[in-house]
Each structure stands twice: as structure tokens, then as C-alpha cells.
């Protein structure tokens, strides 16, 4: 196995592809969301469906930005944590996070 950083770089580790199909509460929530989405689509006309799709696209873009920000924050925090372990707290700058 390569280093963890190499695995991340070469996209052999892909946290965004995690599956939750074995988690009953996730499956239940996903089914409820899908049922409500289908009911909503049935109640909308074409212009409203297009608006809903645009809204969902914008929501997905925002969620991707939040996930990226959370990921980078967590990585920086992890690096600082490990740095503190190896070199001591006085040598670590917490201004990064």
C-alpha cells in the first residue's frame, strides 16, 4: 500500500463514495425523502419542476462547497494535531484553522 497521502492523491481513497445502504436509519430517511420528492413532482407543473431542479442543483453545489470546506478543515486540524504530538504545542501555529 502506498502512503495515505498518495492514496488520496491518486483517488484510491474516495470518501465521497461511501455507501450507507447497511444503515437502517439512513435507508428509512432516504426512502422518505424520495417519496416526498415524487409527491412534490406530481403536484408541480413544468415551470415549477424546472425551478425545483435549478434549486436542487444550487443546493448540491452549496453542499459540495461545504463538504470541501469541512474536509480541508479536518485535514488541517489533523495535521496540527499530529504536529503537536511530534514537536510539542509551543512549536505549532493554530492560525491555519
PDB file of N, CA and C in Angstrom:
ATOM      1  N   UNK A   1       0.833  -1.190   0.000  1.00  0.00           N
ATOM      2  CA  UNK A   1       0.000   0.000   0.000  1.00  0.00           C
ATOM      3  C   UNK A   1       0.870   1.243   0.000  1.00  0.00           C
ATOM      4  N   UNK A   2       0.465   2.207  -0.791  1.00  0.00           N
ATOM      5  CA  UNK A   2       1.161   3.483  -0.820  1.00  0.00           C
ATOM      6  C   UNK A   2       0.828   4.260   0.447  1.00  0.00           C
ATOM      7  N   UNK A   3       1.437   5.424   0.604  1.00  0.00           N
ATOM      8  CA  UNK A   3       1.102   6.248   1.761  1.00  0.00           C
ATOM      9  C   UNK A   3      -0.337   6.736   1.637  1.00  0.00           C
ATOM     10  N   UNK A   4      -0.903   7.139   2.745  1.00  0.00           N
ATOM     11  CA  UNK A   4      -2.277   7.646   2.753  1.00  0.00           C
ATOM     12  C   UNK A   4      -2.389   8.868   1.839  1.00  0.00           C
ATOM     13  N   UNK A   5      -1.404   9.752   1.880  1.00  0.00           N
ATOM     14  CA  UNK A   5      -1.450  10.935   1.007  1.00  0.00           C
ATOM     15  C   UNK A   5      -1.444  10.542  -0.465  1.00  0.00           C
ATOM     16  N   UNK A   6      -0.622   9.557  -0.826  1.00  0.00           N
ATOM     17  CA  UNK A   6      -0.610   9.093  -2.212  1.00  0.00           C
ATOM     18  C   UNK A   6      -1.942   8.448  -2.585  1.00  0.00           C
ATOM     19  N   UNK A   7      -2.497   7.673  -1.669  1.00  0.00           N
ATOM     20  CA  UNK A   7      -3.792   7.045  -1.921  1.00  0.00           C
ATOM     21  C   UNK A   7      -4.866   8.109  -2.164  1.00  0.00           C
ATOM     22  N   UNK A   8      -4.863   9.171  -1.343  1.00  0.00           N
ATOM     23  CA  UNK A   8      -5.811  10.270  -1.550  1.00  0.00           C
ATOM     24  C   UNK A   8      -5.546  10.973  -2.878  1.00  0.00           C
ATOM     25  N   UNK A   9      -4.273  11.252  -3.163  1.00  0.00           N
ATOM     26  CA  UNK A   9      -3.915  11.960  -4.392  1.00  0.00           C
ATOM     27  C   UNK A   9      -4.348  11.182  -5.630  1.00  0.00           C
ATOM     28  N   UNK A  10      -4.089   9.892  -5.642  1.00  0.00           N
ATOM     29  CA  UNK A  10      -4.438   9.066  -6.803  1.00  0.00           C
ATOM     30  C   UNK A  10      -5.893   8.604  -6.781  1.00  0.00           C
ATOM     31  N   UNK A  11      -6.652   9.125  -5.814  1.00  0.00           N
ATOM     32  CA  UNK A  11      -8.097   8.874  -5.709  1.00  0.00           C
ATOM     33  C   UNK A  11      -8.426   7.400  -5.484  1.00  0.00           C
ATOM     34  N   UNK A  12      -7.529   6.690  -4.823  1.00  0.00           N
ATOM     35  CA  UNK A  12      -7.828   5.313  -4.426  1.00  0.00           C
ATOM     36  C   UNK A  12      -8.677   5.304  -3.158  1.00  0.00           C
ATOM     37  N   UNK A  13      -8.594   6.373  -2.407  1.00  0.00           N
ATOM     38  CA  UNK A  13      -9.463   6.570  -1.249  1.00  0.00           C
ATOM     39  C   UNK A  13     -10.435   7.674  -1.644  1.00  0.00           C
ATOM     40  N   UNK A  14     -11.724   7.357  -1.637  1.00  0.00           N
ATOM     41  CA  UNK A  14     -12.725   8.319  -2.096  1.00  0.00           C
ATOM     42  C   UNK A  14     -13.858   8.391  -1.078  1.00  0.00           C
ATOM     43  N   UNK A  15     -13.690   9.225  -0.044  1.00  0.00           N
ATOM     44  CA  UNK A  15     -14.707   9.308   0.999  1.00  0.00           C
ATOM     45  C   UNK A  15     -16.087   9.700   0.478  1.00  0.00           C
ATOM     46  N   UNK A  16     -16.137  10.430  -0.611  1.00  0.00           N
ATOM     47  CA  UNK A  16     -17.434  10.868  -1.142  1.00  0.00           C
ATOM     48  C   UNK A  16     -18.254   9.723  -1.712  1.00  0.00           C
ATOM     49  N   UNK A  17     -17.636   8.568  -1.901  1.00  0.00           N
ATOM     50  CA  UNK A  17     -18.342   7.414  -2.454  1.00  0.00           C
ATOM     51  C   UNK A  17     -18.836   6.441  -1.389  1.00  0.00           C
ATOM     52  N   UNK A  18     -18.700   6.817  -0.151  1.00  0.00           N
ATOM     53  CA  UNK A  18     -19.163   5.924   0.921  1.00  0.00           C
ATOM     54  C   UNK A  18     -20.632   5.611   0.734  1.00  0.00           C
ATOM     55  N   UNK A  19     -21.001   4.393   1.047  1.00  0.00           N
ATOM     56  CA  UNK A  19     -22.384   3.945   0.926  1.00  0.00           C
ATOM     57  C   UNK A  19     -22.975   3.734   2.311  1.00  0.00           C
ATOM     58  N   UNK A  20     -24.251   4.016   2.409  1.00  0.00           N
ATOM     59  CA  UNK A  20     -24.927   3.895   3.700  1.00  0.00           C
ATOM     60  C   UNK A  20     -26.088   2.909   3.644  1.00  0.00           C
ATOM     61  N   UNK A  21     -26.082   2.038   2.657  1.00  0.00           N
ATOM     62  CA  UNK A  21     -27.186   1.107   2.460  1.00  0.00           C
ATOM     63  C   UNK A  21     -27.378   0.128   3.620  1.00  0.00           C
ATOM     64  N   UNK A  22     -26.363  -0.067   4.426  1.00  0.00           N
ATOM     65  CA  UNK A  22     -26.486  -1.008   5.537  1.00  0.00           C
ATOM     66  C   UNK A  22     -26.918  -0.317   6.831  1.00  0.00           C
ATOM     67  N   UNK A  23     -27.183   0.989   6.755  1.00  0.00           N
ATOM     68  CA  UNK A  23     -27.617   1.745   7.917  1.00  0.00           C
ATOM     69  C   UNK A  23     -29.131   1.940   7.842  1.00  0.00           C
ATOM     70  N   UNK A  24     -29.902   1.234   8.678  1.00  0.00           N
ATOM     71  CA  UNK A  24     -31.368   1.290   8.575  1.00  0.00           C
ATOM     72  C   UNK A  24     -31.949   2.698   8.698  1.00  0.00           C
ATOM     73  N   UNK A  25     -31.396   3.519   9.575  1.00  0.00           N
ATOM     74  CA  UNK A  25     -31.949   4.862   9.727  1.00  0.00           C
ATOM     75  C   UNK A  25     -31.683   5.710   8.491  1.00  0.00           C
ATOM     76  N   UNK A  26     -30.546   5.502   7.851  1.00  0.00           N
ATOM     77  CA  UNK A  26     -30.253   6.215   6.608  1.00  0.00           C
ATOM     78  C   UNK A  26     -31.199   5.763   5.506  1.00  0.00           C
ATOM     79  N   UNK A  27     -31.390   4.463   5.385  1.00  0.00           N
ATOM     80  CA  UNK A  27     -32.276   3.923   4.350  1.00  0.00           C
ATOM     81  C   UNK A  27     -33.692   4.455   4.541  1.00  0.00           C
ATOM     82  N   UNK A  28     -34.164   4.477   5.778  1.00  0.00           N
ATOM     83  CA  UNK A  28     -35.506   4.972   6.076  1.00  0.00           C
ATOM     84  C   UNK A  28     -35.640   6.447   5.692  1.00  0.00           C
ATOM     85  N   UNK A  29     -34.669   7.259   6.072  1.00  0.00           N
ATOM     86  CA  UNK A  29     -34.699   8.690   5.751  1.00  0.00           C
ATOM     87  C   UNK A  29     -34.627   8.915   4.248  1.00  0.00           C
ATOM     88  N   UNK A  30     -33.815   8.120   3.558  1.00  0.00           N
ATOM     89  CA  UNK A  30     -33.690   8.257   2.106  1.00  0.00           C
ATOM     90  C   UNK A  30     -34.998   7.900   1.398  1.00  0.00           C
ATOM     91  N   UNK A  31     -35.665   6.841   1.864  1.00  0.00           N
ATOM     92  CA  UNK A  31     -36.949   6.454   1.268  1.00  0.00           C
ATOM     93  C   UNK A  31     -38.001   7.534   1.501  1.00  0.00           C
ATOM     94  N   UNK A  32     -38.021   8.116   2.685  1.00  0.00           N
ATOM     95  CA  UNK A  32     -38.967   9.189   2.986  1.00  0.00           C
ATOM     96  C   UNK A  32     -38.712  10.397   2.081  1.00  0.00           C
ATOM     97  N   UNK A  33     -37.465  10.742   1.929  1.00  0.00           N
ATOM     98  CA  UNK A  33     -37.106  11.863   1.054  1.00  0.00           C
ATOM     99  C   UNK A  33     -37.566  11.580  -0.375  1.00  0.00           C
ATOM    100  N   UNK A  34     -37.302  10.386  -0.869  1.00  0.00           N
ATOM    101  CA  UNK A  34     -37.680  10.027  -2.234  1.00  0.00           C
ATOM    102  C   UNK A  34     -39.199  10.046  -2.424  1.00  0.00           C
ATOM    103  N   UNK A  35     -39.928   9.516  -1.443  1.00  0.00           N
ATOM    104  CA  UNK A  35     -41.397   9.526  -1.517  1.00  0.00           C
ATOM    105  C   UNK A  35     -41.940  10.953  -1.584  1.00  0.00           C
ATOM    106  N   UNK A  36     -41.415  11.817  -0.722  1.00  0.00           N
ATOM    107  CA  UNK A  36     -41.862  13.207  -0.704  1.00  0.00           C
ATOM    108  C   UNK A  36     -41.479  13.941  -1.982  1.00  0.00           C
ATOM    109  N   UNK A  37     -40.309  13.635  -2.519  1.00  0.00           N
ATOM    110  CA  UNK A  37     -39.876  14.245  -3.779  1.00  0.00           C
ATOM    111  C   UNK A  37     -40.827  13.847  -4.915  1.00  0.00           C
ATOM    112  N   UNK A  38     -41.196  12.582  -4.961  1.00  0.00           N
ATOM    113  CA  UNK A  38     -42.107  12.112  -6.006  1.00  0.00           C
ATOM    114  C   UNK A  38     -43.489  12.756  -5.872  1.00  0.00           C
ATOM    115  N   UNK A  39     -43.976  12.906  -4.639  1.00  0.00           N
ATOM    116  CA  UNK A  39     -45.253  13.585  -4.418  1.00  0.00           C
ATOM    117  C   UNK A  39     -45.178  15.048  -4.850  1.00  0.00           C
ATOM    118  N   UNK A  40     -44.077  15.677  -4.527  1.00  0.00           N
ATOM    119  CA  UNK A  40     -43.891  17.079  -4.912  1.00  0.00           C
ATOM    120  C   UNK A  40     -43.873  17.234  -6.428  1.00  0.00           C
ATOM    121  N   UNK A  41     -43.137  16.365  -7.110  1.00  0.00           N
ATOM    122  CA  UNK A  41     -43.095  16.419  -8.575  1.00  0.00           C
ATOM    123  C   UNK A  41     -44.483  16.233  -9.179  1.00  0.00           C
ATOM    124  N   UNK A  42     -45.273  15.335  -8.621  1.00  0.00           N
ATOM    125  CA  UNK A  42     -46.616  15.077  -9.136  1.00  0.00           C
ATOM    126  C   UNK A  42     -47.517  16.303  -8.981  1.00  0.00           C
ATOM    127  N   UNK A  43     -47.245  17.122  -7.965  1.00  0.00           N
ATOM    128  CA  UNK A  43     -48.085  18.292  -7.697  1.00  0.00           C
ATOM    129  C   UNK A  43     -47.657  19.524  -8.489  1.00  0.00           C
ATOM    130  N   UNK A  44     -46.501  19.463  -9.134  1.00  0.00           N
ATOM    131  CA  UNK A  44     -45.961  20.647  -9.821  1.00  0.00           C
ATOM    132  C   UNK A  44     -46.214  20.602 -11.313  1.00  0.00           C
ATOM    133  N   UNK A  45     -46.326  21.793 -11.886  1.00  0.00           N
ATOM    134  CA  UNK A  45     -46.357  21.912 -13.338  1.00  0.00           C
ATOM    135  C   UNK A  45     -44.935  21.975 -13.874  1.00  0.00           C
ATOM    136  N   UNK A  46     -44.803  22.008 -15.188  1.00  0.00           N
ATOM    137  CA  UNK A  46     -43.465  22.018 -15.801  1.00  0.00           C
ATOM    138  C   UNK A  46     -42.596  23.203 -15.367  1.00  0.00           C
ATOM    139  N   UNK A  47     -43.121  24.450 -15.356  1.00  0.00           N
ATOM    140  CA  UNK A  47     -42.254  25.565 -14.924  1.00  0.00           C
ATOM    141  C   UNK A  47     -41.753  25.386 -13.492  1.00  0.00           C
ATOM    142  N   UNK A  48     -42.631  24.877 -12.613  1.00  0.00           N
ATOM    143  CA  UNK A  48     -42.232  24.668 -11.216  1.00  0.00           C
ATOM    144  C   UNK A  48     -41.217  23.535 -11.094  1.00  0.00           C
ATOM    145  N   UNK A  49     -41.352  22.504 -11.926  1.00  0.00           N
ATOM    146  CA  UNK A  49     -40.385  21.401 -11.922  1.00  0.00           C
ATOM    147  C   UNK A  49     -39.001  21.901 -12.331  1.00  0.00           C
ATOM    148  N   UNK A  50     -38.965  22.763 -13.348  1.00  0.00           N
ATOM    149  CA  UNK A  50     -37.680  23.326 -13.787  1.00  0.00           C
ATOM    150  C   UNK A  50     -37.061  24.169 -12.680  1.00  0.00           C
ATOM    151  N   UNK A  51     -37.899  24.958 -12.009  1.00  0.00           N
ATOM    152  CA  UNK A  51     -37.406  25.775 -10.900  1.00  0.00           C
ATOM    153  C   UNK A  51     -36.888  24.897  -9.764  1.00  0.00           C
ATOM    154  N   UNK A  52     -37.609  23.826  -9.476  1.00  0.00           N
ATOM    155  CA  UNK A  52     -37.177  22.895  -8.435  1.00  0.00           C
ATOM    156  C   UNK A  52     -35.826  22.270  -8.805  1.00  0.00           C
ATOM    157  N   UNK A  53     -35.660  21.880 -10.055  1.00  0.00           N
ATOM    158  CA  UNK A  53     -34.381  21.294 -10.494  1.00  0.00           C
ATOM    159  C   UNK A  53     -33.240  22.298 -10.348  1.00  0.00           C
ATOM    160  N   UNK A  54     -33.494  23.561 -10.692  1.00  0.00           N
ATOM    161  CA  UNK A  54     -32.465  24.595 -10.528  1.00  0.00           C
ATOM    162  C   UNK A  54     -32.127  24.779  -9.048  1.00  0.00           C
ATOM    163  N   UNK A  55     -33.156  24.756  -8.220  1.00  0.00           N
ATOM    164  CA  UNK A  55     -32.939  24.868  -6.783  1.00  0.00           C
ATOM    165  C   UNK A  55     -32.093  23.703  -6.274  1.00  0.00           C
ATOM    166  N   UNK A  56     -32.429  22.496  -6.701  1.00  0.00           N
ATOM    167  CA  UNK A  56     -31.696  21.312  -6.251  1.00  0.00           C
ATOM    168  C   UNK A  56     -30.249  21.334  -6.740  1.00  0.00           C
ATOM    169  N   UNK A  57     -30.015  21.820  -7.950  1.00  0.00           N
ATOM    170  CA  UNK A  57     -28.645  21.957  -8.458  1.00  0.00           C
ATOM    171  C   UNK A  57     -27.846  22.946  -7.608  1.00  0.00           C
ATOM    172  N   UNK A  58     -28.486  24.084  -7.271  1.00  0.00           N
ATOM    173  CA  UNK A  58     -27.805  25.078  -6.434  1.00  0.00           C
ATOM    174  C   UNK A  58     -27.528  24.512  -5.044  1.00  0.00           C
ATOM    175  N   UNK A  59     -28.483  23.756  -4.511  1.00  0.00           N
ATOM    176  CA  UNK A  59     -28.301  23.125  -3.207  1.00  0.00           C
ATOM    177  C   UNK A  59     -27.141  22.131  -3.237  1.00  0.00           C
ATOM    178  N   UNK A  60     -27.056  21.353  -4.301  1.00  0.00           N
ATOM    179  CA  UNK A  60     -25.958  20.386  -4.432  1.00  0.00           C
ATOM    180  C   UNK A  60     -24.613  21.095  -4.520  1.00  0.00           C
ATOM    181  N   UNK A  61     -24.560  22.184  -5.269  1.00  0.00           N
ATOM    182  CA  UNK A  61     -23.313  22.939  -5.381  1.00  0.00           C
ATOM    183  C   UNK A  61     -22.888  23.485  -4.017  1.00  0.00           C
ATOM    184  N   UNK A  62     -23.858  24.014  -3.268  1.00  0.00           N
ATOM    185  CA  UNK A  62     -23.558  24.525  -1.936  1.00  0.00           C
ATOM    186  C   UNK A  62     -23.080  23.400  -1.019  1.00  0.00           C
ATOM    187  N   UNK A  63     -23.746  22.263  -1.050  1.00  0.00           N
ATOM    188  CA  UNK A  63     -23.344  21.124  -0.222  1.00  0.00           C
ATOM    189  C   UNK A  63     -21.931  20.661  -0.577  1.00  0.00           C
ATOM    190  N   UNK A  64     -21.593  20.658  -1.865  1.00  0.00           N
ATOM    191  CA  UNK A  64     -20.239  20.276  -2.270  1.00  0.00           C
ATOM    192  C   UNK A  64     -19.212  21.243  -1.696  1.00  0.00           C
ATOM    193  N   UNK A  65     -19.512  22.532  -1.713  1.00  0.00           N
ATOM    194  CA  UNK A  65     -18.590  23.520  -1.158  1.00  0.00           C
ATOM    195  C   UNK A  65     -18.439  23.335   0.352  1.00  0.00           C
ATOM    196  N   UNK A  66     -19.545  23.056   1.036  1.00  0.00           N
ATOM    197  CA  UNK A  66     -19.488  22.829   2.480  1.00  0.00           C
ATOM    198  C   UNK A  66     -18.684  21.564   2.781  1.00  0.00           C
ATOM    199  N   UNK A  67     -18.906  20.494   2.016  1.00  0.00           N
ATOM    200  CA  UNK A  67     -18.148  19.256   2.225  1.00  0.00           C
ATOM    201  C   UNK A  67     -16.652  19.485   1.997  1.00  0.00           C
ATOM    202  N   UNK A  68     -16.314  20.243   0.949  1.00  0.00           N
ATOM    203  CA  UNK A  68     -14.905  20.538   0.682  1.00  0.00           C
ATOM    204  C   UNK A  68     -14.304  21.338   1.830  1.00  0.00           C
ATOM    205  N   UNK A  69     -15.034  22.348   2.299  1.00  0.00           N
ATOM    206  CA  UNK A  69     -14.537  23.161   3.403  1.00  0.00           C
ATOM    207  C   UNK A  69     -14.356  22.314   4.660  1.00  0.00           C
ATOM    208  N   UNK A  70     -15.311  21.453   4.946  1.00  0.00           N
ATOM    209  CA  UNK A  70     -15.221  20.576   6.113  1.00  0.00           C
ATOM    210  C   UNK A  70     -14.032  19.630   5.983  1.00  0.00           C
ATOM    211  N   UNK A  71     -13.844  19.082   4.788  1.00  0.00           N
ATOM    212  CA  UNK A  71     -12.734  18.164   4.548  1.00  0.00           C
ATOM    213  C   UNK A  71     -11.390  18.868   4.755  1.00  0.00           C
ATOM    214  N   UNK A  72     -11.232  20.058   4.162  1.00  0.00           N
ATOM    215  CA  UNK A  72      -9.948  20.757   4.297  1.00  0.00           C
ATOM    216  C   UNK A  72      -9.704  21.181   5.740  1.00  0.00           C
ATOM    217  N   UNK A  73     -10.766  21.618   6.421  1.00  0.00           N
ATOM    218  CA  UNK A  73     -10.618  21.979   7.832  1.00  0.00           C
ATOM    219  C   UNK A  73     -10.167  20.770   8.643  1.00  0.00           C
ATOM    220  N   UNK A  74     -10.824  19.636   8.408  1.00  0.00           N
ATOM    221  CA  UNK A  74     -10.480  18.423   9.151  1.00  0.00           C
ATOM    222  C   UNK A  74      -9.044  17.980   8.860  1.00  0.00           C
ATOM    223  N   UNK A  75      -8.628  18.094   7.606  1.00  0.00           N
ATOM    224  CA  UNK A  75      -7.247  17.715   7.265  1.00  0.00           C
ATOM    225  C   UNK A  75      -6.246  18.626   7.979  1.00  0.00           C
ATOM    226  N   UNK A  76      -6.494  19.928   7.938  1.00  0.00           N
ATOM    227  CA  UNK A  76      -5.596  20.868   8.615  1.00  0.00           C
ATOM    228  C   UNK A  76      -5.564  20.601  10.113  1.00  0.00           C
ATOM    229  N   UNK A  77      -6.741  20.356  10.677  1.00  0.00           N
ATOM    230  CA  UNK A  77      -6.811  20.059  12.106  1.00  0.00           C
ATOM    231  C   UNK A  77      -6.030  18.791  12.430  1.00  0.00           C
ATOM    232  N   UNK A  78      -6.184  17.775  11.603  1.00  0.00           N
ATOM    233  CA  UNK A  78      -5.458  16.525  11.814  1.00  0.00           C
ATOM    234  C   UNK A  78      -3.949  16.715  11.732  1.00  0.00           C
ATOM    235  N   UNK A  79      -3.516  17.520  10.771  1.00  0.00           N
ATOM    236  CA  UNK A  79      -2.082  17.791  10.629  1.00  0.00           C
ATOM    237  C   UNK A  79      -1.572  18.539  11.855  1.00  0.00           C
ATOM    238  N   UNK A  80      -2.328  19.531  12.308  1.00  0.00           N
ATOM    239  CA  UNK A  80      -1.914  20.259  13.505  1.00  0.00           C
ATOM    240  C   UNK A  80      -1.867  19.350  14.724  1.00  0.00           C
ATOM    241  N   UNK A  81      -2.839  18.482  14.848  1.00  0.00           N
ATOM    242  CA  UNK A  81      -2.873  17.547  15.969  1.00  0.00           C
ATOM    243  C   UNK A  81      -1.639  16.655  15.957  1.00  0.00           C
ATOM    244  N   UNK A  82      -1.320  16.108  14.807  1.00  0.00           N
ATOM    245  CA  UNK A  82      -0.138  15.243  14.713  1.00  0.00           C
ATOM    246  C   UNK A  82       1.151  16.040  14.917  1.00  0.00           C
ATOM    247  N   UNK A  83       1.179  17.262  14.405  1.00  0.00           N
ATOM    248  CA  UNK A  83       2.360  18.101  14.616  1.00  0.00           C
ATOM    249  C   UNK A  83       2.591  18.347  16.100  1.00  0.00           C
ATOM    250  N   UNK A  84       1.503  18.628  16.808  1.00  0.00           N
ATOM    251  CA  UNK A  84       1.621  18.859  18.248  1.00  0.00           C
ATOM    252  C   UNK A  84       2.134  17.618  18.962  1.00  0.00           C
ATOM    253  N   UNK A  85       1.684  16.454  18.515  1.00  0.00           N
ATOM    254  CA  UNK A  85       2.127  15.201  19.122  1.00  0.00           C
ATOM    255  C   UNK A  85       3.635  15.023  18.931  1.00  0.00           C
ATOM    256  N   UNK A  86       4.125  15.361  17.738  1.00  0.00           N
ATOM    257  CA  UNK A  86       5.535  15.102  17.440  1.00  0.00           C
ATOM    258  C   UNK A  86       6.474  16.214  17.871  1.00  0.00           C
ATOM    259  N   UNK A  87       6.063  17.481  17.783  1.00  0.00           N
ATOM    260  CA  UNK A  87       7.013  18.559  18.083  1.00  0.00           C
ATOM    261  C   UNK A  87       6.632  19.380  19.302  1.00  0.00           C
ATOM    262  N   UNK A  88       5.473  19.172  19.864  1.00  0.00           N
ATOM    263  CA  UNK A  88       5.043  19.910  21.054  1.00  0.00           C
ATOM    264  C   UNK A  88       4.177  21.104  20.698  1.00  0.00           C
ATOM    265  N   UNK A  89       3.354  21.480  21.646  1.00  0.00           N
ATOM    266  CA  UNK A  89       2.367  22.521  21.403  1.00  0.00           C
ATOM    267  C   UNK A  89       3.000  23.876  21.102  1.00  0.00           C
ATOM    268  N   UNK A  90       4.122  24.200  21.706  1.00  0.00           N
ATOM    269  CA  UNK A  90       4.733  25.515  21.509  1.00  0.00           C
ATOM    270  C   UNK A  90       5.254  25.718  20.100  1.00  0.00           C
ATOM    271  N   UNK A  91       5.468  24.650  19.358  1.00  0.00           N
ATOM    272  CA  UNK A  91       6.012  24.755  18.005  1.00  0.00           C
ATOM    273  C   UNK A  91       4.922  24.802  16.927  1.00  0.00           C
ATOM    274  N   UNK A  92       3.651  24.654  17.300  1.00  0.00           N
ATOM    275  CA  UNK A  92       2.578  24.527  16.318  1.00  0.00           C
ATOM    276  C   UNK A  92       1.778  25.812  16.256  1.00  0.00           C
ATOM    277  N   UNK A  93       1.568  26.321  15.057  1.00  0.00           N
ATOM    278  CA  UNK A  93       0.737  27.511  14.855  1.00  0.00           C
ATOM    279  C   UNK A  93      -0.688  27.091  14.575  1.00  0.00           C
ATOM    280  N   UNK A  94      -1.612  27.566  15.371  1.00  0.00           N
ATOM    281  CA  UNK A  94      -3.015  27.212  15.194  1.00  0.00           C
ATOM    282  C   UNK A  94      -3.742  28.208  14.287  1.00  0.00           C
ATOM    283  N   UNK A  95      -3.003  29.141  13.698  1.00  0.00           N
ATOM    284  CA  UNK A  95      -3.614  30.145  12.822  1.00  0.00           C
ATOM    285  C   UNK A  95      -4.106  29.548  11.522  1.00  0.00           C
ATOM    286  N   UNK A  96      -3.706  28.339  11.204  1.00  0.00           N
ATOM    287  CA  UNK A  96      -4.078  27.697   9.952  1.00  0.00           C
ATOM    288  C   UNK A  96      -5.561  27.354   9.931  1.00  0.00           C
ATOM    289  N   UNK A  97      -6.106  26.986  11.082  1.00  0.00           N
ATOM    290  CA  UNK A  97      -7.510  26.551  11.094  1.00  0.00           C
ATOM    291  C   UNK A  97      -8.455  27.616  11.552  1.00  0.00           C
TER     292      UNK A  97
END
